Protein backbone atom coordinates (compact mmCIF):
# COMPACT_ATOMS: atom_id res chain seq x y z
CA UNK A 1 56.28 49.60 -54.12
CA UNK A 2 57.34 47.05 -51.98
CA UNK A 3 59.00 44.03 -53.13
CA UNK A 4 56.72 41.85 -50.38
CA UNK A 5 53.43 44.22 -51.70
CA UNK A 6 54.93 43.12 -55.47
CA UNK A 7 55.39 39.68 -54.87
CA UNK A 8 51.82 39.77 -53.15
CA UNK A 9 50.13 41.45 -56.03
CA UNK A 10 52.00 38.67 -58.39
CA UNK A 11 50.84 35.63 -56.43
CA UNK A 12 46.93 37.51 -56.27
CA UNK A 13 46.81 37.44 -60.06
CA UNK A 14 48.50 33.68 -60.33
CA UNK A 15 46.05 31.75 -57.79
CA UNK A 16 43.06 34.05 -59.69
CA UNK A 17 44.26 33.04 -62.83
CA UNK A 18 44.67 28.89 -61.65
CA UNK A 19 41.85 28.80 -59.76
CA UNK A 20 38.93 30.41 -62.49
CA UNK A 21 40.34 27.51 -65.11
CA UNK A 22 40.20 24.79 -61.87
CA UNK A 23 36.55 24.39 -62.49
CA UNK A 24 34.68 21.02 -62.13
CA UNK A 25 31.50 19.73 -63.35
CA UNK A 26 29.92 20.22 -59.62
CA UNK A 27 29.99 22.24 -56.99
CA UNK A 28 31.43 25.49 -56.58
CA UNK A 29 32.36 27.46 -60.04
CA UNK A 30 35.94 29.76 -59.64
CA UNK A 31 35.00 31.18 -63.58
CA UNK A 32 34.23 34.80 -62.63
CA UNK A 33 37.48 35.31 -60.63
CA UNK A 34 38.63 35.70 -64.41
CA UNK A 35 36.82 39.11 -64.72
CA UNK A 36 39.45 40.23 -61.64
CA UNK A 37 42.57 38.32 -61.83
CA UNK A 38 44.65 40.52 -64.33
CA UNK A 39 43.91 43.84 -62.35
CA UNK A 40 46.30 43.03 -59.22
CA UNK A 41 48.96 42.13 -61.58
CA UNK A 42 48.18 45.48 -63.73
CA UNK A 43 48.39 47.43 -60.27
CA UNK A 44 51.56 46.14 -60.06
CA UNK A 45 53.19 48.02 -63.21
CA UNK A 46 51.56 51.09 -61.83
CA UNK A 47 55.44 53.27 -62.59
CA UNK A 48 57.60 50.06 -63.21
CA UNK A 49 59.75 49.73 -66.06
CA UNK A 50 59.41 47.91 -69.25
CA UNK A 51 62.06 45.53 -67.89
CA UNK A 52 60.63 45.53 -64.43
CA UNK A 53 57.54 44.93 -66.29
CA UNK A 54 58.01 41.82 -67.96
CA UNK A 55 60.13 40.08 -64.37
CA UNK A 56 57.15 41.06 -62.61
CA UNK A 57 54.59 39.30 -65.74
CA UNK A 58 56.91 36.19 -65.90
CA UNK A 59 56.64 36.23 -62.32
CA UNK A 60 53.05 35.80 -62.74
CA UNK A 61 52.58 34.00 -65.13
CA UNK A 62 55.33 31.35 -63.57
CA UNK A 63 53.29 30.88 -60.58
CA UNK A 64 50.06 30.90 -62.64
CA UNK A 65 51.18 28.14 -64.36
CA UNK A 66 52.61 26.44 -61.37
CA UNK A 67 49.04 26.27 -60.28
CA UNK A 68 47.66 25.13 -63.75
CA UNK A 69 49.87 22.34 -64.53
CA UNK A 70 50.57 20.95 -61.79
CA UNK A 71 49.66 17.37 -62.97
CA UNK A 72 52.26 17.20 -65.18
CA UNK A 73 54.01 16.02 -62.37
CA UNK A 74 52.14 13.36 -60.82
CA UNK A 75 52.20 12.23 -65.16
CA UNK A 76 55.93 12.09 -65.07
CA UNK A 77 56.36 10.76 -61.99
CA UNK A 78 53.18 8.23 -60.91
CA UNK A 79 53.00 6.78 -64.28
CA UNK A 80 56.55 7.74 -66.27
CA UNK A 81 58.16 6.52 -63.56
CA UNK A 82 60.24 10.10 -63.17
CA UNK A 83 62.37 10.29 -60.18
CA UNK A 84 60.00 13.41 -57.97
CA UNK A 85 62.82 15.52 -57.96
CA UNK A 86 63.18 15.53 -61.86
CA UNK A 87 59.53 15.23 -62.43
CA UNK A 88 59.15 19.15 -60.38
CA UNK A 89 62.09 20.48 -62.38
CA UNK A 90 60.19 19.64 -65.54
CA UNK A 91 56.74 21.17 -64.55
CA UNK A 92 58.47 24.02 -62.88
CA UNK A 93 60.34 24.32 -66.75
CA UNK A 94 57.45 24.22 -68.31
CA UNK A 95 55.69 27.17 -66.59
CA UNK A 96 58.69 28.84 -66.74
CA UNK A 97 58.23 28.91 -70.56
CA UNK A 98 54.56 29.40 -70.23
CA UNK A 99 55.06 32.75 -67.92
CA UNK A 100 57.13 34.12 -70.52
CA UNK A 101 54.24 35.05 -72.68
CA UNK A 102 52.70 36.61 -69.26
CA UNK A 103 56.48 38.44 -69.41
CA UNK A 104 55.72 39.88 -72.30
CA UNK A 105 52.25 40.69 -72.28
CA UNK A 106 53.16 43.30 -69.61
CA UNK A 107 56.28 44.18 -71.25
CA UNK A 108 54.31 45.35 -74.00
CA UNK A 109 51.69 47.17 -72.16
CA UNK A 110 53.97 49.55 -69.45
CA UNK A 111 55.51 49.54 -73.14
CA UNK A 112 52.46 51.17 -74.90
CA UNK A 113 51.58 53.42 -71.49
CA UNK A 114 54.60 54.71 -71.88
CA UNK A 115 54.47 56.33 -75.74
CA UNK A 116 51.27 56.98 -75.88
CA UNK A 117 48.83 55.65 -73.10
CA UNK A 118 45.65 56.55 -75.14
CA UNK A 119 45.31 53.11 -76.75
CA UNK A 120 46.72 50.85 -74.17
CA UNK A 121 43.40 49.83 -72.96
CA UNK A 122 42.13 48.40 -77.36
CA UNK A 123 45.63 47.32 -78.34
CA UNK A 124 46.48 44.91 -74.43
CA UNK A 125 43.69 42.68 -75.33
CA UNK A 126 44.67 42.15 -78.66
CA UNK A 127 48.64 41.41 -77.31
CA UNK A 128 46.86 38.64 -74.90
CA UNK A 129 45.22 37.12 -78.12
CA UNK A 130 48.57 37.42 -80.11
CA UNK A 131 50.51 35.86 -77.26
CA UNK A 132 48.22 33.13 -76.85
CA UNK A 133 47.44 32.42 -79.99
CA UNK A 134 51.58 32.31 -80.68
CA UNK A 135 51.35 29.79 -77.48
CA UNK A 136 49.04 27.91 -79.40
CA UNK A 137 51.83 27.23 -82.30
CA UNK A 138 54.78 27.48 -81.34
CA UNK A 139 57.35 24.64 -81.07
CA UNK A 140 54.87 22.55 -81.36
CA UNK A 141 52.31 24.32 -79.36
CA UNK A 142 50.86 23.66 -75.90
CA UNK A 143 46.95 26.08 -75.58
CA UNK A 144 46.62 24.69 -71.97
CA UNK A 145 45.01 27.31 -69.81
CA UNK A 146 44.20 30.24 -72.20
CA UNK A 147 41.60 32.66 -69.58
CA UNK A 148 38.55 32.08 -72.04
CA UNK A 149 38.00 28.27 -71.00
CA UNK A 150 37.55 29.43 -68.13
CA UNK A 151 33.96 30.49 -68.97
CA UNK A 152 33.21 27.16 -69.96
CA UNK A 153 30.03 27.08 -67.59
CA UNK A 154 29.08 30.54 -68.55
CA UNK A 155 26.86 29.78 -72.07
CA UNK A 156 25.63 33.22 -72.88
CA UNK A 157 29.25 34.29 -72.47
CA UNK A 158 31.12 31.84 -75.31
CA UNK A 159 28.20 31.80 -77.42
CA UNK A 160 30.13 34.06 -79.92
CA UNK A 161 32.98 31.85 -79.88
CA UNK A 162 31.38 30.54 -82.83
CA UNK A 163 32.54 34.06 -84.75
CA UNK A 164 35.73 34.56 -82.76
CA UNK A 165 37.64 30.37 -81.03
CA UNK A 166 38.00 30.81 -77.57
CA UNK A 167 40.38 33.70 -78.11
CA UNK A 168 37.20 36.28 -78.13
CA UNK A 169 36.55 34.94 -75.37
CA UNK A 170 39.62 36.05 -73.54
CA UNK A 171 40.10 38.99 -75.26
CA UNK A 172 36.31 40.12 -73.55
CA UNK A 173 38.22 39.16 -70.56
CA UNK A 174 41.02 41.01 -70.62
CA UNK A 175 38.86 44.32 -71.83
CA UNK A 176 36.86 43.88 -68.61
CA UNK A 177 39.94 43.81 -65.99
CA UNK A 178 41.58 46.45 -68.38
CA UNK A 179 38.95 48.91 -67.92
CA UNK A 180 37.60 47.70 -63.85
CA UNK A 181 41.76 48.31 -63.15
CA UNK A 182 41.16 51.73 -64.58
CA UNK A 183 38.41 52.93 -63.22
CA UNK A 184 40.21 51.69 -59.64
CA UNK A 185 43.14 53.54 -60.83
CA UNK A 186 41.03 56.71 -61.32
CA UNK A 187 38.98 56.90 -58.06
CA UNK A 188 41.88 55.96 -56.51
CA UNK A 189 43.36 59.04 -57.73
CA UNK A 190 40.14 61.45 -57.10
CA UNK A 191 41.03 60.42 -52.99
CA UNK A 192 44.61 61.41 -53.07
CA UNK A 193 47.13 64.05 -53.88
CA UNK A 194 48.28 62.85 -56.83
CA UNK A 195 47.26 64.25 -60.77
CA UNK A 196 43.89 63.06 -61.56
CA UNK A 197 44.46 60.84 -64.46
CA UNK A 198 41.76 60.66 -67.09
CA UNK A 199 38.02 59.29 -66.63
CA UNK A 200 38.57 56.21 -68.57
CA UNK A 201 35.67 56.47 -71.20
CA UNK A 202 36.79 55.27 -73.96
CA UNK A 203 37.72 51.75 -72.65
CA UNK A 204 34.75 51.74 -69.94
CA UNK A 205 32.56 52.33 -73.09
CA UNK A 206 34.26 49.18 -75.56
CA UNK A 207 33.65 47.03 -71.85
CA UNK A 208 30.25 48.00 -72.06
CA UNK A 209 29.46 47.77 -75.53
CA UNK A 210 31.52 44.54 -76.22
CA UNK A 211 29.41 43.03 -73.07
CA UNK A 212 25.85 43.83 -74.33
CA UNK A 213 26.78 42.25 -77.77
CA UNK A 214 27.82 39.84 -76.69
CA UNK A 215 25.45 39.11 -73.86
CA UNK A 216 22.91 39.52 -76.63
CA UNK A 217 24.55 37.64 -79.36
CA UNK A 218 24.50 35.29 -76.95
CA UNK A 219 20.90 34.41 -75.34
CA UNK A 220 19.87 34.74 -78.78
CA UNK A 221 21.84 32.04 -80.17
CA UNK A 222 20.65 29.76 -76.97
CA UNK A 223 17.34 30.05 -78.20
CA UNK A 224 18.16 29.79 -81.62
CA UNK A 225 19.55 26.22 -80.47
CA UNK A 226 16.87 25.50 -78.27
CA UNK A 227 14.57 25.53 -81.22
CA UNK A 228 16.77 23.75 -84.18
CA UNK A 229 17.24 20.68 -81.76
CA UNK A 230 13.78 20.11 -81.99
CA UNK A 231 13.96 19.65 -85.54
CA UNK A 232 17.92 18.21 -85.91
CA UNK A 233 18.28 14.22 -86.68
CA UNK A 234 19.55 11.99 -84.07
CA UNK A 235 22.11 9.80 -82.97
CA UNK A 236 21.87 7.20 -80.22
CA UNK A 237 25.26 6.25 -78.46
CA UNK A 238 27.00 4.37 -76.14
CA UNK A 239 29.90 5.16 -74.68
CA UNK A 240 32.20 3.23 -72.72
CA UNK A 241 34.34 4.05 -69.59
CA UNK A 242 35.95 0.80 -68.68
CA UNK A 243 38.17 3.10 -66.13
CA UNK A 244 41.39 0.39 -66.35
CA UNK A 245 44.03 1.57 -64.37
CA UNK A 246 47.65 3.23 -66.17
CA UNK A 247 49.82 0.81 -64.81
CA UNK A 248 47.72 -2.38 -65.91
CA UNK A 249 47.18 -1.11 -68.97
CA UNK A 250 49.77 -2.84 -70.75
CA UNK A 251 50.51 -5.94 -68.43
CA UNK A 252 49.07 -8.64 -70.89
CA UNK A 253 48.51 -10.17 -67.97
CA UNK A 254 45.37 -8.20 -67.63
CA UNK A 255 44.09 -8.53 -70.89
CA UNK A 256 41.56 -11.45 -70.53
CA UNK A 257 40.07 -8.78 -67.28
CA UNK A 258 40.51 -6.02 -69.95
CA UNK A 259 38.92 -7.23 -72.66
CA UNK A 260 36.23 -8.55 -69.90
CA UNK A 261 35.16 -5.89 -69.11
CA UNK A 262 34.62 -3.45 -72.60
CA UNK A 263 32.38 -6.53 -73.07
CA UNK A 264 30.37 -6.48 -70.42
CA UNK A 265 29.76 -2.39 -70.21
CA UNK A 266 29.58 -2.36 -74.32
CA UNK A 267 26.20 -5.43 -73.55
CA UNK A 268 25.55 -2.17 -71.17
CA UNK A 269 25.41 0.18 -74.77
CA UNK A 270 24.04 -1.80 -77.13
CA UNK A 271 20.24 -1.81 -77.13
CA UNK A 272 18.87 0.59 -79.42
CA UNK A 273 22.09 2.27 -80.16
CA UNK A 274 23.78 3.27 -83.44
CA UNK A 275 27.11 4.08 -82.19
CA UNK A 276 29.52 2.74 -79.16
CA UNK A 277 32.12 4.00 -78.55
CA UNK A 278 35.36 2.62 -76.38
CA UNK A 279 38.25 5.08 -75.38
CA UNK A 280 41.74 5.93 -76.21
CA UNK A 281 44.23 3.12 -77.24
CA UNK A 282 41.56 0.98 -75.52
CA UNK A 283 42.56 -2.36 -76.76
CA UNK A 284 45.86 -3.44 -75.03
CA UNK A 285 47.47 -5.20 -77.75
CA UNK A 286 47.69 -3.92 -81.64
CA UNK A 287 44.64 -4.76 -83.51
CA UNK A 288 45.70 -5.86 -86.49
CA UNK A 289 48.57 -7.91 -85.28
CA UNK A 290 46.48 -10.33 -83.18
CA UNK A 291 44.19 -12.02 -84.59
CA UNK A 292 42.88 -14.22 -81.42
CA UNK A 293 41.96 -10.61 -79.77
CA UNK A 294 40.34 -9.30 -83.23
CA UNK A 295 37.79 -11.80 -83.40
CA UNK A 296 36.97 -11.01 -79.74
CA UNK A 297 36.01 -7.17 -80.41
CA UNK A 298 34.71 -8.57 -83.44
CA UNK A 299 32.46 -10.63 -81.94
CA UNK A 300 31.52 -8.48 -79.39
CA UNK A 301 30.68 -5.16 -82.48
CA UNK A 302 28.30 -8.43 -83.97
CA UNK A 303 26.82 -8.91 -80.55
CA UNK A 304 26.07 -5.43 -80.15
CA UNK A 305 24.72 -4.74 -83.73
CA UNK A 306 26.16 -1.56 -83.56
CA UNK A 307 29.25 0.99 -85.22
CA UNK A 308 32.38 0.58 -82.88
CA UNK A 309 34.82 3.49 -82.23
CA UNK A 310 37.72 2.64 -80.57
CA UNK A 311 41.33 3.03 -79.78
CA UNK A 312 44.09 1.26 -80.74
CA UNK A 313 48.20 1.39 -81.61
CA UNK A 314 49.10 0.70 -85.69
CA UNK A 315 51.72 -1.49 -86.22
CA UNK A 316 53.85 0.29 -89.61
CA UNK A 317 57.68 -0.30 -90.85
CA UNK A 318 59.92 1.88 -92.94
CA UNK A 319 60.93 1.31 -95.87
CA UNK A 320 64.25 0.08 -94.00
CA UNK A 321 61.98 -2.05 -91.96
CA UNK A 322 62.33 -0.13 -88.97
CA UNK A 323 58.60 -0.08 -87.07
CA UNK A 324 56.75 2.83 -85.47
CA UNK A 325 53.36 3.52 -84.76
CA UNK A 326 50.26 5.15 -85.53
CA UNK A 327 47.79 6.12 -82.59
CA UNK A 328 44.67 5.32 -84.08
CA UNK A 329 41.31 5.22 -83.97
CA UNK A 330 39.53 2.36 -85.21
CA UNK A 331 35.72 2.41 -86.97
CA UNK A 332 33.80 -1.03 -86.82
CA UNK A 333 30.43 -1.54 -88.47
CA UNK A 334 27.85 -4.07 -87.38
CA UNK A 335 28.68 -6.65 -89.15
CA UNK A 336 32.31 -6.14 -87.41
CA UNK A 337 34.20 -4.96 -90.77
CA UNK A 338 36.82 -2.38 -90.52
CA UNK A 339 35.40 0.81 -92.49
CA UNK A 340 37.26 3.48 -91.42
CA UNK A 341 40.93 4.65 -89.23
CA UNK A 342 41.90 8.05 -88.34
CA UNK A 343 45.55 8.58 -87.04
CA UNK A 344 46.75 11.15 -84.78
CA UNK A 345 48.01 13.98 -86.67
CA UNK A 346 49.31 16.05 -83.61
CA UNK A 347 51.01 13.91 -81.05
CA UNK A 348 52.43 14.53 -77.27
CA UNK A 349 56.56 15.63 -76.86
CA UNK A 350 57.74 13.55 -74.79
CA UNK A 351 54.85 11.22 -74.62
CA UNK A 352 54.19 9.94 -78.08
CA UNK A 353 57.43 10.58 -79.27
CA UNK A 354 61.17 12.72 -78.89
CA UNK A 355 60.92 15.98 -80.47
CA UNK A 356 64.91 16.75 -81.29
CA UNK A 357 65.86 13.02 -80.48
CA UNK A 358 70.15 13.32 -81.02
CA UNK A 359 69.71 15.51 -78.55
CA UNK A 360 67.62 13.96 -75.79
CA UNK A 361 68.54 10.35 -76.31
CA UNK A 362 68.56 9.98 -72.62
CA UNK A 363 64.86 10.92 -72.07
CA UNK A 364 64.59 6.81 -73.71
CA UNK A 365 65.60 5.41 -71.12
CA UNK A 366 64.79 8.28 -68.48
CA UNK A 367 60.88 8.21 -68.87
CA UNK A 368 58.69 4.95 -69.11
CA UNK A 369 55.92 4.79 -71.83
CA UNK A 370 57.30 6.81 -74.49
CA UNK A 371 56.14 5.67 -78.03
CA UNK A 372 57.59 6.13 -81.25
CA UNK A 373 54.40 7.14 -83.01
CA UNK A 374 54.33 9.09 -86.05
CA UNK A 375 51.65 11.81 -87.11
CA UNK A 376 48.73 10.85 -89.19
CA UNK A 377 49.09 12.27 -92.54
CA UNK A 378 45.68 14.26 -92.95
CA UNK A 379 41.60 14.94 -91.32
CA UNK A 380 39.57 11.90 -91.84
CA UNK A 381 36.23 11.76 -91.56
CA UNK A 382 35.06 8.35 -90.57
CA UNK A 383 31.34 7.18 -91.90
CA UNK A 384 28.76 5.32 -90.79
CA UNK A 385 27.35 2.23 -93.32
CA UNK A 386 24.40 2.94 -94.86
CA UNK A 387 22.51 0.26 -92.43
CA UNK A 388 22.13 2.82 -89.94
CA UNK A 389 19.72 5.13 -88.64
CA UNK A 390 20.34 7.79 -90.38
CA UNK A 391 22.65 6.90 -92.87
CA UNK A 392 25.57 7.89 -94.24
CA UNK A 393 26.54 10.12 -91.08
CA UNK A 394 29.65 11.38 -91.19
CA UNK A 395 32.10 12.37 -88.22
CA UNK A 396 35.70 13.65 -87.07
CA UNK A 397 37.83 12.31 -84.40
CA UNK A 398 40.06 14.21 -81.94
CA UNK A 399 41.65 11.93 -79.75
CA UNK A 400 42.79 13.40 -76.26
CA UNK A 401 45.69 16.28 -76.94
CA UNK A 402 44.37 17.08 -80.22
CA UNK A 403 41.30 18.42 -78.60
CA UNK A 404 42.95 21.72 -77.09
CA UNK A 405 43.83 22.83 -80.35
CA UNK A 406 40.83 24.76 -82.34
CA UNK A 407 42.28 24.78 -86.17
CA UNK A 408 42.56 21.55 -85.69
CA UNK A 409 39.21 20.38 -84.68
CA UNK A 410 37.56 23.06 -87.16
CA UNK A 411 39.36 21.19 -89.89
CA UNK A 412 37.93 18.20 -89.05
CA UNK A 413 34.43 19.82 -88.82
CA UNK A 414 34.64 22.04 -92.35
CA UNK A 415 35.54 18.19 -93.83
CA UNK A 416 31.97 17.42 -93.57
CA UNK A 417 31.19 16.42 -90.09
CA UNK A 418 27.74 15.72 -89.10
CA UNK A 419 29.52 15.42 -85.17
CA UNK A 420 32.49 15.51 -83.33
CA UNK A 421 34.00 12.28 -81.07
CA UNK A 422 36.88 12.79 -78.95
CA UNK A 423 38.73 9.44 -77.25
CA UNK A 424 41.27 10.07 -74.48
CA UNK A 425 43.23 8.40 -71.60
CA UNK A 426 43.42 10.58 -68.86
CA UNK A 427 44.60 8.48 -66.37
CA UNK A 428 47.51 10.25 -66.35
CA UNK A 429 46.03 12.90 -65.29
CA UNK A 430 45.28 11.10 -61.95
CA UNK A 431 42.83 12.73 -59.03
CA UNK A 432 43.82 16.24 -60.30
CA UNK A 433 41.82 19.17 -62.06
CA UNK A 434 43.83 17.87 -65.46
CA UNK A 435 40.51 15.86 -66.50
CA UNK A 436 38.21 18.77 -65.86
CA UNK A 437 40.48 21.56 -67.62
CA UNK A 438 40.52 19.03 -70.91
CA UNK A 439 36.63 18.11 -70.56
CA UNK A 440 36.40 22.40 -70.49
CA UNK A 441 38.47 22.22 -74.06
CA UNK A 442 35.75 20.29 -75.07
CA UNK A 443 33.16 22.20 -74.94
CA UNK A 444 34.41 25.29 -76.58
CA UNK A 445 34.88 22.69 -79.88
CA UNK A 446 31.55 22.19 -79.56
CA UNK A 447 30.21 25.89 -79.98
CA UNK A 448 32.76 26.97 -82.05
CA UNK A 449 31.60 24.74 -84.62
CA UNK A 450 28.15 23.91 -83.28
CA UNK A 451 28.32 20.30 -83.54
CA UNK A 452 27.37 17.92 -80.26
CA UNK A 453 30.43 16.12 -78.95
CA UNK A 454 30.32 12.40 -78.05
CA UNK A 455 33.84 12.03 -75.25
CA UNK A 456 35.03 8.36 -74.27
CA UNK A 457 37.91 8.27 -71.78
CA UNK A 458 39.27 5.82 -70.36
CA UNK A 459 39.02 6.54 -66.15
CA UNK A 460 36.71 10.18 -66.94
CA UNK A 461 35.06 12.22 -68.00
CA UNK A 462 33.41 10.89 -70.44
CA UNK A 463 29.93 12.47 -71.58
CA UNK A 464 27.84 14.53 -74.02
CA UNK A 465 28.06 18.11 -74.97
CA UNK A 466 25.82 19.84 -76.96
CA UNK A 467 26.25 22.52 -80.20
CA UNK A 468 25.66 24.92 -77.79
CA UNK A 469 27.83 23.73 -75.42
CA UNK A 470 25.62 22.35 -72.76
CA UNK A 471 26.99 19.67 -70.88
CA UNK A 472 24.08 17.13 -71.55
CA UNK A 473 25.22 14.46 -69.74
CA UNK A 474 28.98 13.49 -67.86
CA UNK A 475 30.18 10.65 -65.73
CA UNK A 476 32.71 10.45 -62.61
CA UNK A 477 36.23 10.11 -63.35
CA UNK A 478 37.92 7.30 -61.94
CA UNK A 479 34.77 4.94 -61.80
CA UNK A 480 34.16 2.26 -64.12
CA UNK A 481 30.92 3.19 -65.84
CA UNK A 482 29.14 3.77 -69.37
CA UNK A 483 26.18 6.05 -70.97
CA UNK A 484 24.01 6.09 -73.56
CA UNK A 485 21.96 9.30 -75.33
CA UNK A 486 21.30 11.12 -78.20
CA UNK A 487 22.83 13.82 -80.01
CA UNK A 488 22.20 16.23 -82.64
CA UNK A 489 23.72 15.77 -86.28
CA UNK A 490 24.26 19.27 -87.86
CA UNK A 491 25.73 20.12 -91.00
CA UNK A 492 29.53 22.52 -90.64
CA UNK A 493 27.75 26.42 -90.66
CA UNK A 494 29.63 28.67 -88.40
CA UNK A 495 31.85 31.62 -89.19
CA UNK A 496 33.94 29.86 -86.70
CA UNK A 497 34.13 26.78 -89.32
CA UNK A 498 34.90 28.56 -92.24
CA UNK A 499 37.39 30.87 -91.95
CA UNK A 500 38.86 29.81 -88.82
CA UNK A 501 41.08 31.95 -86.80
CA UNK A 502 40.46 35.47 -88.85
CA UNK A 503 39.96 36.80 -85.76
CA UNK A 504 43.00 35.69 -83.77
CA UNK A 505 44.76 37.35 -86.36
CA UNK A 506 43.02 40.33 -86.90
CA UNK A 507 44.61 41.02 -83.56
CA UNK A 508 48.31 40.10 -84.42
CA UNK A 509 48.09 42.66 -87.34
CA UNK A 510 46.57 44.97 -85.22
CA UNK A 511 48.89 44.63 -82.53
CA UNK A 512 51.80 44.50 -85.19
CA UNK A 513 50.46 47.44 -86.95
CA UNK A 514 50.61 49.87 -83.51
CA UNK A 515 53.44 48.11 -81.86
CA UNK A 516 55.29 48.85 -85.46
CA UNK A 517 54.35 53.01 -85.36
CA UNK A 518 54.70 53.42 -81.58
CA UNK A 519 58.22 52.11 -81.93
CA UNK A 520 59.05 54.55 -85.02
CA UNK A 521 56.58 57.70 -84.96
CA UNK A 522 56.47 60.40 -81.10
CA UNK A 523 52.88 59.90 -81.21
CA UNK A 524 51.94 62.96 -79.10
CA UNK A 525 54.32 65.40 -81.76
CA UNK A 526 52.88 63.72 -84.33
CA UNK A 527 49.06 64.64 -83.10
CA UNK A 528 50.48 68.21 -82.52
CA UNK A 529 52.10 68.79 -85.74
CA UNK A 530 48.84 67.38 -88.12
CA UNK A 531 46.61 69.82 -85.51
CA UNK A 532 49.09 72.52 -85.65
CA UNK A 533 50.62 72.94 -89.15
CA UNK A 534 47.92 73.92 -90.47
CA UNK A 535 47.59 77.51 -88.22
CA UNK A 536 51.11 77.80 -88.08
CA UNK A 537 50.61 77.59 -91.87
CA UNK A 538 48.31 79.92 -92.11
CA UNK A 539 50.58 82.10 -89.77
CA UNK A 540 53.35 82.13 -92.33
CA UNK A 541 51.13 83.39 -94.71
CA UNK A 542 49.44 86.45 -92.92
CA UNK A 543 53.08 87.77 -92.36
């Protein structure tokens, strides 16, 4: 196969992969492309050595993630004031790292195909999920653009995420891709003079059975959700999207204008709501440290006669007097009293802190806006006051980046949340696909835990998501806006909420066992021994 054809095939998979994760909330949806996105890559692996397979997979991954996380350039250059050349280089470096996971996938697939081709169709999806799971946790974790997120608009397909998490959706997509590839290879071989591979009955049977079960389960769950929502307690919530330009967000000259905007929008949503939600870091000041502005926020809450959740940094000091910050979400009751605070646990590397600061201290001067934040100690649930209707409702808050981590949100749900909130400031992303990608992940978090989500974003997308993943209401990005809506209250009950990433761990275990088994045993020889040994033994006895 020529180099140009190989590059074309790798580029085609990269294009399909990135497009499948580039869905917006209106217009044409590209998620269906995910079901065939890996086929060109598997064609490029035909006849490859293990080493060639790794480099072809890595190249594909590099190109795919350039198309998926290109918004890093906007965040670093436009808002972090990093020179454009360095911003591009850092984005490519991130895509290079993420591409390694695709390279490891193709390496494993080709190696298995060479050793024991008959199990490749089964192990490959497990290997893919294992690598996505590894990416979620390794080096602080960056599970952005997992393949399963491409299906956030296809509700029947994603319902079984309440058992497997998003990883099960990725698994199913890889199964279908492999099956279509194997069928195509068989069809092509039938028309050529080459030796025909066997018909992929096991792969076809697995794919059809999996799709049938998933869709049957999905439609049944959707019917159950439609029936149960009429019996659920409802909470009236108002969302505020102030659309504060990132370049003005912390400018003291814009403080009063910012607070005036929040006051106006809060008054719009206040009538009849139990809870009002502002975005991440909504206050352009330290809420606890500036009494005059603190009084302004309290007066807004009292006038609205509703509880308020809002983001604001919290200042604390080490024993030696050195200051540090928490990225916090505060809860005020209708009287203006602070009744709870959640401190963000999973911080953004190079945004809220510098990892390995002793080696990378130069970034303090290079990137504008890196804060000395420290992670919160543990998951924390906030509780609405007894005066609320309904009373004593508990909820968890995921701040910005945290919502992309399935297990972190699961811990909030398992702690007893009746609904979930995420507050974010997506202004950093600019007018790119990133706000839509970020929103899509929230849809899967709702389905995994069967809890409704209320999302308040500074520049959008703000909105409400039902426990079955239905998008109830949204705002356009980069608009000053507000929303009011009712969401159902639930008790955590899903398999995923109770047991977490058991499916992903099962894939890791299966992959590890089979890779070790294939590595240390000559499979055809072992099977031949099993079936021939009795015959040989009988022959000896007869002699």
